[in-house]
Protein backbone atom coordinates (compact mmCIF):
# COMPACT_ATOMS: atom_id res chain seq x y z
CA MET A 1 74.31 152.00 95.10
CA SER A 2 72.50 151.61 98.43
CA TYR A 3 73.19 153.76 101.49
CA GLN A 4 75.22 152.18 104.29
CA PRO A 5 73.98 153.28 107.73
CA VAL A 6 76.56 154.88 110.01
CA ILE A 7 76.89 153.01 113.32
CA PRO A 8 80.21 154.03 114.91
CA MET A 9 79.97 151.74 117.96
CA THR A 10 78.05 148.77 119.31
CA GLY A 11 75.68 148.47 122.23
CA LEU A 12 73.79 151.21 124.00
CA ALA A 13 76.17 154.00 122.92
CA GLY A 14 75.78 153.01 119.29
CA TRP A 15 72.00 152.90 119.69
CA LYS A 16 71.90 156.42 121.11
CA PHE A 17 73.89 157.69 118.12
CA LEU A 18 71.61 155.89 115.68
CA ASP A 19 68.52 157.24 117.44
CA ARG A 20 69.83 160.84 117.25
CA THR A 21 70.63 160.58 113.54
CA LEU A 22 67.75 158.31 112.51
CA VAL A 23 65.71 160.76 110.44
CA THR A 24 68.73 162.00 108.49
CA GLN A 25 70.03 158.49 107.87
CA MET A 26 66.64 157.12 106.81
CA ASP A 27 66.21 159.99 104.35
CA ALA A 28 69.64 159.27 102.87
CA HIS A 29 68.77 155.58 102.57
CA ALA A 30 65.42 156.29 100.88
CA GLY A 31 67.17 158.57 98.37
CA SER A 32 69.83 156.04 97.38
CA VAL A 33 69.78 154.86 93.76
CA GLU A 34 68.84 151.24 94.46
CA ILE A 35 65.95 152.03 96.80
CA ARG A 36 64.64 154.88 94.69
CA ARG A 37 64.68 152.71 91.56
CA ASP A 38 62.57 150.02 93.25
CA THR A 39 60.11 152.43 94.85
CA ASP A 40 59.64 154.50 91.68
CA TYR A 41 58.82 151.32 89.76
CA PHE A 42 56.35 150.25 92.44
CA LYS A 43 54.57 153.61 92.40
CA GLU A 44 54.33 153.51 88.62
CA LYS A 45 53.08 149.93 88.22
CA ILE A 46 51.14 148.83 91.30
CA GLY A 47 47.95 150.62 90.24
CA GLU A 48 47.74 148.29 87.23
CA ILE A 49 47.69 145.18 89.44
CA GLU A 50 44.27 143.61 89.94
CA THR A 51 45.05 140.09 91.16
CA ALA A 52 47.46 138.27 93.43
CA GLU A 53 48.67 136.28 90.43
CA GLN A 54 49.74 139.47 88.66
CA LEU A 55 51.61 140.67 91.74
CA VAL A 56 53.61 137.48 92.32
CA SER A 57 54.43 137.33 88.60
CA ASP A 58 56.28 140.67 88.74
CA ARG A 59 59.39 140.09 90.83
CA ARG A 60 60.26 143.78 91.12
CA LEU A 61 56.82 144.63 92.50
CA LEU A 62 56.87 141.59 94.75
CA ARG A 63 60.26 142.58 96.16
CA VAL A 64 58.85 145.87 97.42
CA ALA A 65 55.52 144.34 98.50
CA LEU A 66 57.13 141.63 100.62
CA GLY A 67 59.98 143.87 101.77
CA ALA A 68 57.47 146.34 103.20
CA PHE A 69 56.39 143.68 105.70
CA GLY A 70 59.81 142.17 106.42
CA LEU A 71 59.07 139.12 104.28
CA SER A 72 61.79 139.51 101.65
CA ASP A 73 63.23 136.07 102.35
CA ASP A 74 60.01 134.49 101.03
CA ILE A 75 60.20 136.05 97.56
CA ASP A 76 60.66 132.64 95.94
CA SER A 77 57.72 131.11 97.85
CA LYS A 78 55.25 132.30 95.23
CA TYR A 79 52.61 129.66 95.93
CA LEU A 80 52.48 130.56 99.62
CA VAL A 81 52.39 134.30 98.92
CA LYS A 82 49.66 133.94 96.29
CA LYS A 83 47.52 131.76 98.56
CA VAL A 84 47.84 134.17 101.48
CA LEU A 85 46.81 137.09 99.29
CA GLU A 86 43.94 135.33 97.53
CA GLU A 87 42.34 133.96 100.69
CA GLY A 88 42.45 137.34 102.43
CA THR A 89 41.84 137.79 106.15
CA LEU A 90 38.06 137.92 106.71
CA ASP A 91 37.54 134.14 106.82
CA PRO A 92 38.90 132.67 110.10
CA SER A 93 40.05 129.63 108.12
CA ALA A 94 42.12 131.73 105.70
CA LEU A 95 45.81 130.83 105.61
CA ALA A 96 46.90 134.27 106.85
CA ASN A 97 44.89 133.69 110.04
CA LYS A 98 46.47 130.28 110.61
CA LEU A 99 50.13 131.21 110.18
CA SER A 100 52.00 131.93 113.40
CA ASP A 101 53.84 134.78 111.66
CA SER A 102 51.44 137.74 111.97
CA ARG A 103 53.33 139.66 109.28
CA TYR A 104 51.48 137.65 106.64
CA LEU A 105 48.15 138.69 108.13
CA GLU A 106 49.12 142.36 107.85
CA PHE A 107 50.49 141.80 104.35
CA SER A 108 47.27 140.21 103.09
CA LYS A 109 45.11 142.80 104.83
CA ALA A 110 47.11 145.66 103.32
CA PHE A 111 46.64 144.50 99.71
CA GLY A 112 43.05 143.31 100.14
CA PHE A 113 42.95 140.91 97.18
CA GLY A 114 40.91 138.36 99.11
CA ASP A 115 38.87 140.80 101.18
CA PHE A 116 37.44 143.26 98.67
CA SER A 117 36.05 143.16 95.14
CA VAL A 118 38.53 145.92 94.26
CA PRO A 119 41.97 145.49 95.89
CA ARG A 120 43.54 148.30 97.90
CA SER A 121 46.30 148.51 95.27
CA LYS A 122 43.82 150.66 93.31
CA LEU A 123 43.65 153.34 96.00
CA SER A 124 45.45 156.57 95.20
CA ASP A 125 47.40 156.67 98.46
CA PHE A 126 48.28 152.96 98.48
CA PRO A 127 51.63 153.20 96.63
CA GLN A 128 53.04 155.73 99.10
CA GLU A 129 51.77 153.69 102.07
CA ILE A 130 53.68 150.60 100.94
CA VAL A 131 56.73 152.53 99.78
CA GLU A 132 57.15 154.13 103.21
CA LYS A 133 56.94 150.72 104.85
CA TYR A 134 59.49 149.34 102.40
CA GLN A 135 61.90 152.22 102.99
CA SER A 136 61.68 151.68 106.75
CA GLN A 137 62.07 147.91 106.55
CA SER A 138 64.94 148.03 104.06
CA PHE A 139 66.76 150.52 106.29
CA GLU A 140 66.43 148.08 109.17
CA VAL A 141 67.89 145.35 106.97
CA ALA A 142 70.83 147.62 106.10
CA VAL A 143 71.38 148.33 109.80
CA GLY A 144 71.26 144.60 110.51
CA GLU A 145 74.05 143.95 108.04
CA GLN A 146 76.30 145.89 110.41
CA ASP A 147 74.76 145.10 113.80
CA ASP A 148 71.85 142.71 114.25
CA ASP A 149 71.13 143.89 117.79
CA MET A 150 70.59 147.40 116.40
CA ARG A 151 68.26 146.00 113.76
CA LEU A 152 66.13 144.23 116.35
CA ALA A 153 66.03 147.34 118.55
CA LEU A 154 65.01 149.49 115.59
CA ASN A 155 62.38 146.97 114.53
CA PHE A 156 61.03 146.94 118.07
CA THR A 157 60.52 150.70 118.20
CA ARG A 158 58.55 150.54 114.95
CA ALA A 159 56.64 147.27 115.17
CA PHE A 160 55.92 146.89 118.87
CA PRO A 161 53.51 149.86 119.20
CA GLU A 162 51.53 148.53 116.21
CA VAL A 163 50.83 145.35 118.18
CA ALA A 164 50.53 146.89 121.64
CA GLN A 165 47.96 149.50 120.64
CA THR A 166 45.52 147.20 118.84
CA THR A 167 42.07 146.72 120.39
CA VAL A 168 42.36 142.98 121.09
CA GLY A 169 42.89 141.56 124.59
CA ASN A 170 46.27 141.73 126.32
CA ASP A 171 46.79 137.94 126.17
CA THR A 172 46.16 137.99 122.42
CA LYS A 173 48.73 140.76 122.03
CA TRP A 174 51.28 138.70 123.95
CA PHE A 175 50.61 135.70 121.74
CA ARG A 176 51.26 137.91 118.71
CA ILE A 177 54.54 139.06 120.25
CA MET A 178 55.45 135.43 120.94
CA GLY A 179 54.70 134.54 117.32
CA THR A 180 56.80 137.36 115.84
CA THR A 181 60.45 136.30 115.97
CA ALA A 182 62.06 139.76 116.09
CA LEU A 183 59.78 141.11 118.83
CA ARG A 184 59.99 137.89 120.80
CA ASN A 185 63.80 137.98 120.72
CA VAL A 186 63.88 141.47 122.20
CA PHE A 187 61.52 140.56 125.03
CA GLU A 188 63.22 137.22 125.76
CA THR A 189 66.62 138.89 126.04
CA ALA A 190 65.38 141.94 127.98
CA LEU A 191 63.57 139.70 130.47
CA GLY A 192 66.58 137.40 130.86
CA LEU A 193 64.81 134.27 129.63
CA PRO A 194 66.92 131.23 128.62
CA SER A 195 67.43 130.16 125.00
CA ASP A 196 65.33 126.99 125.44
CA PHE A 197 62.40 128.91 126.94
CA GLY A 198 60.38 128.38 123.76
CA LYS A 199 60.15 124.65 124.46
CA LEU A 200 57.76 125.22 127.35
CA ASP A 201 53.99 124.85 127.05
CA ILE A 202 52.59 127.94 125.29
CA ASP A 203 50.39 128.94 128.24
CA LYS A 204 53.36 128.62 130.59
CA GLN A 205 55.36 130.86 128.27
CA LEU A 206 52.60 133.47 128.37
CA GLU A 207 52.48 133.33 132.16
CA THR A 208 56.26 133.72 132.39
CA PHE A 209 56.42 136.63 129.94
CA GLN A 210 53.74 138.47 131.87
CA SER A 211 55.13 137.81 135.35
CA LYS A 212 58.66 138.78 134.28
CA ALA A 213 57.39 141.97 132.60
CA GLU A 214 55.42 142.84 135.71
CA ARG A 215 58.53 142.57 137.87
CA MET A 216 60.89 144.34 135.50
CA PHE A 217 58.73 147.05 133.96
CA GLY A 218 55.99 147.40 136.56
CA THR A 219 53.26 146.10 134.27
CA SER A 220 52.42 143.28 131.88
CA ASP A 221 49.91 145.44 130.01
CA LEU A 222 51.48 145.83 126.57
CA ALA A 223 49.59 149.07 125.89
CA LYS A 224 51.31 150.57 128.95
CA ILE A 225 54.68 149.10 127.98
CA SER A 226 54.34 150.91 124.64
CA ASP A 227 54.57 154.20 126.55
CA PRO A 228 57.77 155.83 125.17
CA GLU A 229 59.58 155.83 128.52
CA THR A 230 58.87 152.16 129.26
CA MET A 231 59.51 151.10 125.68
CA ASN A 232 62.89 152.83 125.82
CA LYS A 233 63.66 150.90 129.00
CA VAL A 234 62.88 147.62 127.19
CA VAL A 235 65.23 148.54 124.34
CA GLU A 236 68.07 149.66 126.61
CA THR A 237 67.74 146.55 128.78
CA TYR A 238 67.76 144.38 125.66
CA LEU A 239 70.92 146.03 124.33
CA LEU A 240 72.73 145.83 127.66
CA ARG A 241 71.87 142.15 128.11
CA SER A 242 72.96 141.47 124.52
CA GLN A 243 76.30 143.12 125.28
CA ILE A 244 76.73 140.94 128.35
CA GLN A 245 76.12 137.81 126.29
CA ALA A 246 78.60 138.89 123.63
CA GLN A 247 81.46 139.99 125.92
CA PRO A 248 84.17 137.91 127.61
CA VAL A 249 83.47 137.25 131.28
CA ASN A 250 85.98 139.85 132.54
CA GLN A 251 84.27 142.63 130.52
CA ALA A 252 80.70 141.49 131.03
CA GLY A 253 80.78 142.38 134.72
CA SER A 254 80.89 146.15 134.22
CA ILE A 255 78.05 145.98 131.69
CA ALA A 256 76.02 143.86 134.11
CA LEU A 257 76.53 146.54 136.77
CA THR A 258 75.23 149.19 134.36
CA LEU A 259 72.21 146.99 133.68
CA LEU A 260 71.49 146.57 137.38
CA GLN A 261 71.80 150.29 138.04
CA SER A 262 69.70 151.42 135.06
CA SER A 263 67.00 148.76 135.44
CA SER A 264 66.87 148.75 139.26
CA LEU A 265 67.00 144.94 139.24
């Protein structure tokens, strides 16, 4: 039986409770029977895997492998998964480099089937690396079953720094954010952008994201936004705006006031 995260309330108050108890709750989740069964199997068997074909042919291994990168929904897309893994990431024309979803790039890079003569699945520390990612991602999924706003906030605190602290240019980082649905949703909501914003020209979207971030957070430099204090402001603003959108008009006003006071808008 899997662990059910404890989230006693919605919105910012619920987030603060989850944040305080996160380590304890994640440990309980990782130790649950269902998660432990999957991760033990992965640790035992992944070292025997030498090709992408072997990985996609073992559904239990594939469940952990994809789940570690938030790609569980694609478990039946074996042709796509196999192609992404086999082509690797070194060739600019490889499928992983063409997909707008950057999670596939990280997935292919992590396993290394197309990049190295010996895949990374043979490394001694590889099983634990993937298992830890899977435990974290599956906990987020469990949180999302109760409150999707909490899931997106939790995902943001984990995944955003990984993008923001890479060595590529700031525009490239923003494009990666824009191409990652969960991260994009948090920024769109926190910055107060409309639901049809994604229909604009891609360069106009970039310009708008950066100008809005500059006004709201004092910078459009994603490396600076990944500073814990600023990142926390993004998350809190996102949760407050989400509450406003979800509440009846007569209740939304007090939340909007909190947002204005806390964000100095």
